Amino acid sequence: SCVLCQFPTDRMRQTVQCIKERYGQFLFTCKEYDRL
């Protein structure tokens, strides 16, 4: 949304930080890009 629709970067970062703190991260490697 930031890259394509100019969603405000500060609001993106605030939301992403909130998500990282509460949900952690989903780990995958570049070898799984094709599957994704």
All heavy atoms as atom14 arrays in JSON, in Angstrom:
{
  "sequence": "SCVLCQFPTDRMRQTVQCIKERYGQFLFTCKEYDRL",
  "atom14_mask": [
    [1, 1, 1, 1, 1, 1, 0, 0, 0, 0, 0, 0, 0, 0],
    [1, 1, 1, 1, 1, 1, 0, 0, 0, 0, 0, 0, 0, 0],
    [1, 1, 1, 1, 1, 1, 1, 0, 0, 0, 0, 0, 0, 0],
    [1, 1, 1, 1, 1, 1, 1, 1, 0, 0, 0, 0, 0, 0],
    [1, 1, 1, 1, 1, 1, 0, 0, 0, 0, 0, 0, 0, 0],
    [1, 1, 1, 1, 1, 1, 1, 1, 1, 0, 0, 0, 0, 0],
    [1, 1, 1, 1, 1, 1, 1, 1, 1, 1, 1, 0, 0, 0],
    [1, 1, 1, 1, 1, 1, 1, 0, 0, 0, 0, 0, 0, 0],
    [1, 1, 1, 1, 1, 1, 1, 0, 0, 0, 0, 0, 0, 0],
    [1, 1, 1, 1, 1, 1, 1, 1, 0, 0, 0, 0, 0, 0],
    [1, 1, 1, 1, 1, 1, 1, 1, 1, 1, 1, 0, 0, 0],
    [1, 1, 1, 1, 1, 1, 1, 1, 0, 0, 0, 0, 0, 0],
    [1, 1, 1, 1, 1, 1, 1, 1, 1, 1, 1, 0, 0, 0],
    [1, 1, 1, 1, 1, 1, 1, 1, 1, 0, 0, 0, 0, 0],
    [1, 1, 1, 1, 1, 1, 1, 0, 0, 0, 0, 0, 0, 0],
    [1, 1, 1, 1, 1, 1, 1, 0, 0, 0, 0, 0, 0, 0],
    [1, 1, 1, 1, 1, 1, 1, 1, 1, 0, 0, 0, 0, 0],
    [1, 1, 1, 1, 1, 1, 0, 0, 0, 0, 0, 0, 0, 0],
    [1, 1, 1, 1, 1, 1, 1, 1, 0, 0, 0, 0, 0, 0],
    [1, 1, 1, 1, 1, 1, 1, 1, 1, 0, 0, 0, 0, 0],
    [1, 1, 1, 1, 1, 1, 1, 1, 1, 0, 0, 0, 0, 0],
    [1, 1, 1, 1, 1, 1, 1, 1, 1, 1, 1, 0, 0, 0],
    [1, 1, 1, 1, 1, 1, 1, 1, 1, 1, 1, 1, 0, 0],
    [1, 1, 1, 1, 0, 0, 0, 0, 0, 0, 0, 0, 0, 0],
    [1, 1, 1, 1, 1, 1, 1, 1, 1, 0, 0, 0, 0, 0],
    [1, 1, 1, 1, 1, 1, 1, 1, 1, 1, 1, 0, 0, 0],
    [1, 1, 1, 1, 1, 1, 1, 1, 0, 0, 0, 0, 0, 0],
    [1, 1, 1, 1, 1, 1, 1, 1, 1, 1, 1, 0, 0, 0],
    [1, 1, 1, 1, 1, 1, 1, 0, 0, 0, 0, 0, 0, 0],
    [1, 1, 1, 1, 1, 1, 0, 0, 0, 0, 0, 0, 0, 0],
    [1, 1, 1, 1, 1, 1, 1, 1, 1, 0, 0, 0, 0, 0],
    [1, 1, 1, 1, 1, 1, 1, 1, 1, 0, 0, 0, 0, 0],
    [1, 1, 1, 1, 1, 1, 1, 1, 1, 1, 1, 1, 0, 0],
    [1, 1, 1, 1, 1, 1, 1, 1, 0, 0, 0, 0, 0, 0],
    [1, 1, 1, 1, 1, 1, 1, 1, 1, 1, 1, 0, 0, 0],
    [1, 1, 1, 1, 1, 1, 1, 1, 0, 0, 0, 0, 0, 0]
  ],
  "atom14_positions": [
    [[0.83, -1.21, 0.0], [0.0, 0.0, 0.0], [0.86, 1.26, 0.0], [0.54, 2.25, -0.66], [-0.94, 0.0, 1.22], [-1.87, -1.06, 1.15], [0.0, 0.0, 0.0], [0.0, 0.0, 0.0], [0.0, 0.0, 0.0], [0.0, 0.0, 0.0], [0.0, 0.0, 0.0], [0.0, 0.0, 0.0], [0.0, 0.0, 0.0], [0.0, 0.0, 0.0]],
    [[1.96, 1.23, 0.77], [2.9, 2.36, 0.8], [3.53, 2.58, -0.58], [3.59, 3.69, -1.09], [4.01, 2.12, 1.81], [3.53, 2.42, 3.5], [0.0, 0.0, 0.0], [0.0, 0.0, 0.0], [0.0, 0.0, 0.0], [0.0, 0.0, 0.0], [0.0, 0.0, 0.0], [0.0, 0.0, 0.0], [0.0, 0.0, 0.0], [0.0, 0.0, 0.0]],
    [[4.01, 1.48, -1.18], [4.74, 1.57, -2.44], [3.81, 1.96, -3.6], [4.17, 2.77, -4.45], [5.43, 0.21, -2.74], [6.05, 0.21, -4.13], [6.49, -0.09, -1.69], [0.0, 0.0, 0.0], [0.0, 0.0, 0.0], [0.0, 0.0, 0.0], [0.0, 0.0, 0.0], [0.0, 0.0, 0.0], [0.0, 0.0, 0.0], [0.0, 0.0, 0.0]],
    [[2.61, 1.38, -3.62], [1.73, 1.54, -4.78], [0.63, 2.59, -4.61], [0.12, 3.12, -5.58], [1.09, 0.19, -5.14], [2.05, -0.94, -5.51], [1.3, -2.26, -5.66], [2.8, -0.61, -6.79], [0.0, 0.0, 0.0], [0.0, 0.0, 0.0], [0.0, 0.0, 0.0], [0.0, 0.0, 0.0], [0.0, 0.0, 0.0], [0.0, 0.0, 0.0]],
    [[0.24, 2.85, -3.35], [-0.93, 3.73, -3.12], [-0.61, 4.9, -2.19], [-1.52, 5.6, -1.75], [-2.09, 2.92, -2.54], [-2.53, 1.48, -3.49], [0.0, 0.0, 0.0], [0.0, 0.0, 0.0], [0.0, 0.0, 0.0], [0.0, 0.0, 0.0], [0.0, 0.0, 0.0], [0.0, 0.0, 0.0], [0.0, 0.0, 0.0], [0.0, 0.0, 0.0]],
    [[0.66, 5.07, -1.83], [1.09, 6.17, -0.97], [0.44, 6.14, 0.42], [0.17, 7.18, 1.02], [0.84, 7.54, -1.64], [1.81, 7.86, -2.76], [1.58, 6.99, -4.0], [0.49, 7.01, -4.56], [2.6, 6.25, -4.42], [0.0, 0.0, 0.0], [0.0, 0.0, 0.0], [0.0, 0.0, 0.0], [0.0, 0.0, 0.0], [0.0, 0.0, 0.0]],
    [[0.17, 4.94, 0.94], [-0.26, 4.82, 2.34], [0.83, 5.44, 3.22], [2.02, 5.23, 2.97], [-0.46, 3.34, 2.69], [-1.03, 3.11, 4.07], [-2.39, 3.12, 4.29], [-0.19, 2.86, 5.16], [-2.92, 2.89, 5.56], [-0.69, 2.64, 6.43], [-2.07, 2.66, 6.63], [0.0, 0.0, 0.0], [0.0, 0.0, 0.0], [0.0, 0.0, 0.0]],
    [[0.44, 6.23, 4.24], [1.45, 6.93, 5.07], [2.45, 5.96, 5.73], [2.06, 5.03, 6.43], [0.61, 7.65, 6.13], [-0.74, 7.77, 5.53], [-0.93, 6.56, 4.67], [0.0, 0.0, 0.0], [0.0, 0.0, 0.0], [0.0, 0.0, 0.0], [0.0, 0.0, 0.0], [0.0, 0.0, 0.0], [0.0, 0.0, 0.0], [0.0, 0.0, 0.0]],
    [[3.73, 6.21, 5.51], [4.78, 5.32, 6.0], [4.77, 5.21, 7.52], [4.99, 4.12, 8.08], [6.16, 5.83, 5.53], [6.12, 6.02, 4.12], [7.26, 4.84, 5.85], [0.0, 0.0, 0.0], [0.0, 0.0, 0.0], [0.0, 0.0, 0.0], [0.0, 0.0, 0.0], [0.0, 0.0, 0.0], [0.0, 0.0, 0.0], [0.0, 0.0, 0.0]],
    [[4.53, 6.34, 8.23], [4.55, 6.29, 9.69], [3.44, 5.4, 10.23], [3.65, 4.65, 11.2], [4.44, 7.71, 10.28], [3.18, 8.45, 9.84], [2.66, 8.15, 8.73], [2.71, 9.33, 10.6], [0.0, 0.0, 0.0], [0.0, 0.0, 0.0], [0.0, 0.0, 0.0], [0.0, 0.0, 0.0], [0.0, 0.0, 0.0], [0.0, 0.0, 0.0]],
    [[2.27, 5.41, 9.59], [1.16, 4.56, 10.04], [1.42, 3.09, 9.71], [1.03, 2.19, 10.46], [-0.15, 5.02, 9.41], [-0.61, 6.36, 9.98], [-1.87, 6.88, 9.35], [-2.4, 8.0, 10.13], [-3.49, 8.68, 9.81], [-4.17, 8.37, 8.72], [-3.91, 9.67, 10.57], [0.0, 0.0, 0.0], [0.0, 0.0, 0.0], [0.0, 0.0, 0.0]],
    [[2.1, 2.87, 8.61], [2.49, 1.5, 8.26], [3.46, 0.97, 9.32], [3.27, -0.13, 9.85], [3.16, 1.48, 6.88], [3.48, 0.09, 6.35], [5.2, -0.46, 6.51], [6.14, 0.75, 5.64], [0.0, 0.0, 0.0], [0.0, 0.0, 0.0], [0.0, 0.0, 0.0], [0.0, 0.0, 0.0], [0.0, 0.0, 0.0], [0.0, 0.0, 0.0]],
    [[4.48, 1.78, 9.65], [5.49, 1.34, 10.62], [4.88, 1.09, 12.0], [5.24, 0.14, 12.69], [6.61, 2.37, 10.7], [7.53, 2.34, 9.49], [8.65, 3.34, 9.59], [9.55, 3.22, 8.44], [10.19, 4.25, 7.89], [10.05, 5.46, 8.4], [10.97, 4.07, 6.85], [0.0, 0.0, 0.0], [0.0, 0.0, 0.0], [0.0, 0.0, 0.0]],
    [[3.97, 1.96, 12.39], [3.31, 1.82, 13.69], [2.5, 0.53, 13.76], [2.54, -0.21, 14.75], [2.37, 3.03, 13.91], [2.18, 3.38, 15.38], [1.36, 4.65, 15.54], [1.3, 5.5, 14.66], [0.71, 4.78, 16.68], [0.0, 0.0, 0.0], [0.0, 0.0, 0.0], [0.0, 0.0, 0.0], [0.0, 0.0, 0.0], [0.0, 0.0, 0.0]],
    [[1.77, 0.24, 12.67], [0.96, -0.98, 12.62], [1.84, -2.22, 12.58], [1.59, -3.2, 13.29], [0.03, -0.96, 11.39], [-0.67, 0.28, 11.33], [-0.98, -2.1, 11.46], [0.0, 0.0, 0.0], [0.0, 0.0, 0.0], [0.0, 0.0, 0.0], [0.0, 0.0, 0.0], [0.0, 0.0, 0.0], [0.0, 0.0, 0.0], [0.0, 0.0, 0.0]],
    [[2.9, -2.17, 11.78], [3.81, -3.32, 11.66], [4.5, -3.61, 12.99], [4.63, -4.77, 13.4], [4.87, -3.07, 10.55], [5.99, -4.11, 10.6], [4.19, -3.11, 9.17], [0.0, 0.0, 0.0], [0.0, 0.0, 0.0], [0.0, 0.0, 0.0], [0.0, 0.0, 0.0], [0.0, 0.0, 0.0], [0.0, 0.0, 0.0], [0.0, 0.0, 0.0]],
    [[4.92, -2.57, 13.71], [5.54, -2.75, 15.02], [4.58, -3.42, 15.99], [4.95, -4.34, 16.73], [5.99, -1.38, 15.58], [6.77, -1.46, 16.88], [8.04, -2.3, 16.77], [8.69, -2.35, 15.73], [8.38, -3.0, 17.85], [0.0, 0.0, 0.0], [0.0, 0.0, 0.0], [0.0, 0.0, 0.0], [0.0, 0.0, 0.0], [0.0, 0.0, 0.0]],
    [[3.33, -2.97, 15.98], [2.28, -3.55, 16.82], [2.12, -5.04, 16.51], [2.01, -5.87, 17.41], [0.97, -2.79, 16.58], [-0.5, -3.57, 17.26], [0.0, 0.0, 0.0], [0.0, 0.0, 0.0], [0.0, 0.0, 0.0], [0.0, 0.0, 0.0], [0.0, 0.0, 0.0], [0.0, 0.0, 0.0], [0.0, 0.0, 0.0], [0.0, 0.0, 0.0]],
    [[2.13, -5.39, 15.22], [1.95, -6.78, 14.79], [3.16, -7.63, 15.2], [3.02, -8.74, 15.72], [1.71, -6.85, 13.26], [0.3, -6.32, 12.94], [1.87, -8.28, 12.74], [0.04, -6.07, 11.47], [0.0, 0.0, 0.0], [0.0, 0.0, 0.0], [0.0, 0.0, 0.0], [0.0, 0.0, 0.0], [0.0, 0.0, 0.0], [0.0, 0.0, 0.0]],
    [[4.37, -7.09, 15.01], [5.58, -7.85, 15.37], [5.61, -8.17, 16.86], [6.0, -9.26, 17.27], [6.83, -7.06, 14.98], [7.22, -7.18, 13.52], [8.4, -6.29, 13.2], [9.57, -7.1, 12.7], [10.68, -6.23, 12.25], [0.0, 0.0, 0.0], [0.0, 0.0, 0.0], [0.0, 0.0, 0.0], [0.0, 0.0, 0.0], [0.0, 0.0, 0.0]],
    [[5.19, -7.2, 17.68], [5.19, -7.39, 19.13], [4.17, -8.45, 19.56], [4.41, -9.21, 20.51], [4.89, -6.07, 19.84], [6.05, -5.07, 19.78], [5.66, -3.69, 20.27], [4.48, -3.5, 20.68], [6.51, -2.78, 20.22], [0.0, 0.0, 0.0], [0.0, 0.0, 0.0], [0.0, 0.0, 0.0], [0.0, 0.0, 0.0], [0.0, 0.0, 0.0]],
    [[3.03, -8.5, 18.89], [1.95, -9.39, 19.32], [1.95, -10.75, 18.62], [1.46, -11.73, 19.17], [0.6, -8.71, 19.08], [0.4, -7.49, 19.97], [-0.82, -6.7, 19.58], [-1.0, -5.54, 20.46], [-1.94, -4.62, 20.29], [-2.77, -4.7, 19.28], [-2.04, -3.61, 21.13], [0.0, 0.0, 0.0], [0.0, 0.0, 0.0], [0.0, 0.0, 0.0]],
    [[2.49, -10.8, 17.4], [2.36, -12.02, 16.6], [3.69, -12.63, 16.18], [3.72, -13.7, 15.57], [1.52, -11.74, 15.33], [0.13, -11.24, 15.66], [-0.13, -9.87, 15.75], [-0.91, -12.14, 15.91], [-1.39, -9.4, 16.07], [-2.18, -11.67, 16.22], [-2.41, -10.3, 16.3], [-3.67, -9.86, 16.62], [0.0, 0.0, 0.0], [0.0, 0.0, 0.0]],
    [[4.79, -11.95, 16.48], [6.08, -12.46, 16.02], [6.17, -12.39, 14.5], [5.53, -11.55, 13.88], [0.0, 0.0, 0.0], [0.0, 0.0, 0.0], [0.0, 0.0, 0.0], [0.0, 0.0, 0.0], [0.0, 0.0, 0.0], [0.0, 0.0, 0.0], [0.0, 0.0, 0.0], [0.0, 0.0, 0.0], [0.0, 0.0, 0.0], [0.0, 0.0, 0.0]],
    [[6.95, -13.29, 13.92], [7.14, -13.28, 12.47], [6.93, -14.68, 11.89], [7.12, -15.68, 12.57], [8.57, -12.81, 12.14], [8.83, -11.36, 12.47], [10.31, -11.02, 12.38], [11.07, -11.32, 13.29], [10.71, -10.42, 11.27], [0.0, 0.0, 0.0], [0.0, 0.0, 0.0], [0.0, 0.0, 0.0], [0.0, 0.0, 0.0], [0.0, 0.0, 0.0]],
    [[6.5, -14.7, 10.64], [6.38, -15.97, 9.9], [7.66, -16.15, 9.09], [7.95, -15.36, 8.19], [5.16, -15.93, 8.98], [4.91, -17.21, 8.24], [4.56, -18.37, 8.94], [5.03, -17.28, 6.86], [4.33, -19.57, 8.27], [4.8, -18.48, 6.18], [4.45, -19.62, 6.89], [0.0, 0.0, 0.0], [0.0, 0.0, 0.0], [0.0, 0.0, 0.0]],
    [[8.43, -17.16, 9.43], [9.75, -17.32, 8.81], [9.69, -18.23, 7.59], [9.15, -19.33, 7.64], [10.73, -17.89, 9.84], [10.94, -17.03, 11.1], [11.86, -17.74, 12.09], [11.51, -15.66, 10.74], [0.0, 0.0, 0.0], [0.0, 0.0, 0.0], [0.0, 0.0, 0.0], [0.0, 0.0, 0.0], [0.0, 0.0, 0.0], [0.0, 0.0, 0.0]],
    [[10.24, -17.74, 6.48], [10.42, -18.56, 5.3], [11.63, -18.04, 4.55], [12.06, -16.9, 4.77], [9.16, -18.57, 4.41], [8.7, -17.2, 3.98], [9.06, -16.69, 2.75], [7.89, -16.43, 4.82], [8.63, -15.43, 2.35], [7.45, -15.17, 4.43], [7.83, -14.66, 3.18], [0.0, 0.0, 0.0], [0.0, 0.0, 0.0], [0.0, 0.0, 0.0]],
    [[12.18, -18.84, 3.68], [13.41, -18.46, 2.98], [13.13, -18.19, 1.5], [12.04, -18.51, 1.0], [14.47, -19.57, 3.08], [14.04, -20.67, 2.26], [14.64, -20.05, 4.52], [0.0, 0.0, 0.0], [0.0, 0.0, 0.0], [0.0, 0.0, 0.0], [0.0, 0.0, 0.0], [0.0, 0.0, 0.0], [0.0, 0.0, 0.0], [0.0, 0.0, 0.0]],
    [[14.13, -17.66, 0.81], [13.98, -17.37, -0.63], [13.74, -18.65, -1.43], [13.18, -18.61, -2.52], [15.17, -16.59, -1.17], [16.75, -17.35, -0.81], [0.0, 0.0, 0.0], [0.0, 0.0, 0.0], [0.0, 0.0, 0.0], [0.0, 0.0, 0.0], [0.0, 0.0, 0.0], [0.0, 0.0, 0.0], [0.0, 0.0, 0.0], [0.0, 0.0, 0.0]],
    [[14.12, -19.8, -0.87], [13.87, -21.07, -1.55], [12.38, -21.39, -1.6], [11.96, -22.25, -2.4], [14.62, -22.21, -0.84], [16.13, -22.14, -0.99], [16.81, -23.27, -0.24], [18.33, -23.16, -0.37], [19.01, -24.18, 0.46], [0.0, 0.0, 0.0], [0.0, 0.0, 0.0], [0.0, 0.0, 0.0], [0.0, 0.0, 0.0], [0.0, 0.0, 0.0]],
    [[11.59, -20.73, -0.76], [10.14, -20.99, -0.71], [9.31, -19.95, -1.47], [8.09, -20.01, -1.47], [9.68, -21.05, 0.75], [10.28, -22.22, 1.52], [9.99, -22.14, 3.02], [10.65, -21.34, 3.72], [9.11, -22.88, 3.48], [0.0, 0.0, 0.0], [0.0, 0.0, 0.0], [0.0, 0.0, 0.0], [0.0, 0.0, 0.0], [0.0, 0.0, 0.0]],
    [[9.98, -19.01, -2.14], [9.25, -17.96, -2.88], [8.33, -18.55, -3.95], [7.2, -18.11, -4.12], [10.25, -16.99, -3.55], [10.9, -15.99, -2.62], [11.86, -15.11, -3.11], [10.56, -15.93, -1.27], [12.48, -14.19, -2.28], [11.18, -15.03, -0.43], [12.14, -14.16, -0.93], [12.75, -13.26, -0.1], [0.0, 0.0, 0.0], [0.0, 0.0, 0.0]],
    [[8.82, -19.55, -4.69], [8.02, -20.14, -5.76], [6.76, -20.79, -5.2], [5.68, -20.69, -5.79], [8.83, -21.18, -6.55], [9.87, -20.52, -7.46], [9.77, -19.29, -7.66], [10.78, -21.23, -7.93], [0.0, 0.0, 0.0], [0.0, 0.0, 0.0], [0.0, 0.0, 0.0], [0.0, 0.0, 0.0], [0.0, 0.0, 0.0], [0.0, 0.0, 0.0]],
    [[6.91, -21.47, -4.06], [5.74, -22.12, -3.43], [4.75, -21.06, -2.96], [3.53, -21.19, -3.16], [6.21, -22.97, -2.23], [5.08, -23.66, -1.47], [4.31, -24.61, -2.36], [3.13, -25.16, -1.71], [1.98, -25.39, -2.35], [1.86, -25.1, -3.64], [0.97, -25.91, -1.72], [0.0, 0.0, 0.0], [0.0, 0.0, 0.0], [0.0, 0.0, 0.0]],
    [[5.26, -19.99, -2.36], [4.4, -18.9, -1.9], [3.66, -18.26, -3.08], [2.46, -18.01, -3.01], [5.23, -17.85, -1.16], [4.48, -16.67, -0.53], [3.47, -17.16, 0.51], [5.46, -15.7, 0.11], [0.0, 0.0, 0.0], [0.0, 0.0, 0.0], [0.0, 0.0, 0.0], [0.0, 0.0, 0.0], [0.0, 0.0, 0.0], [0.0, 0.0, 0.0]]
  ]
}
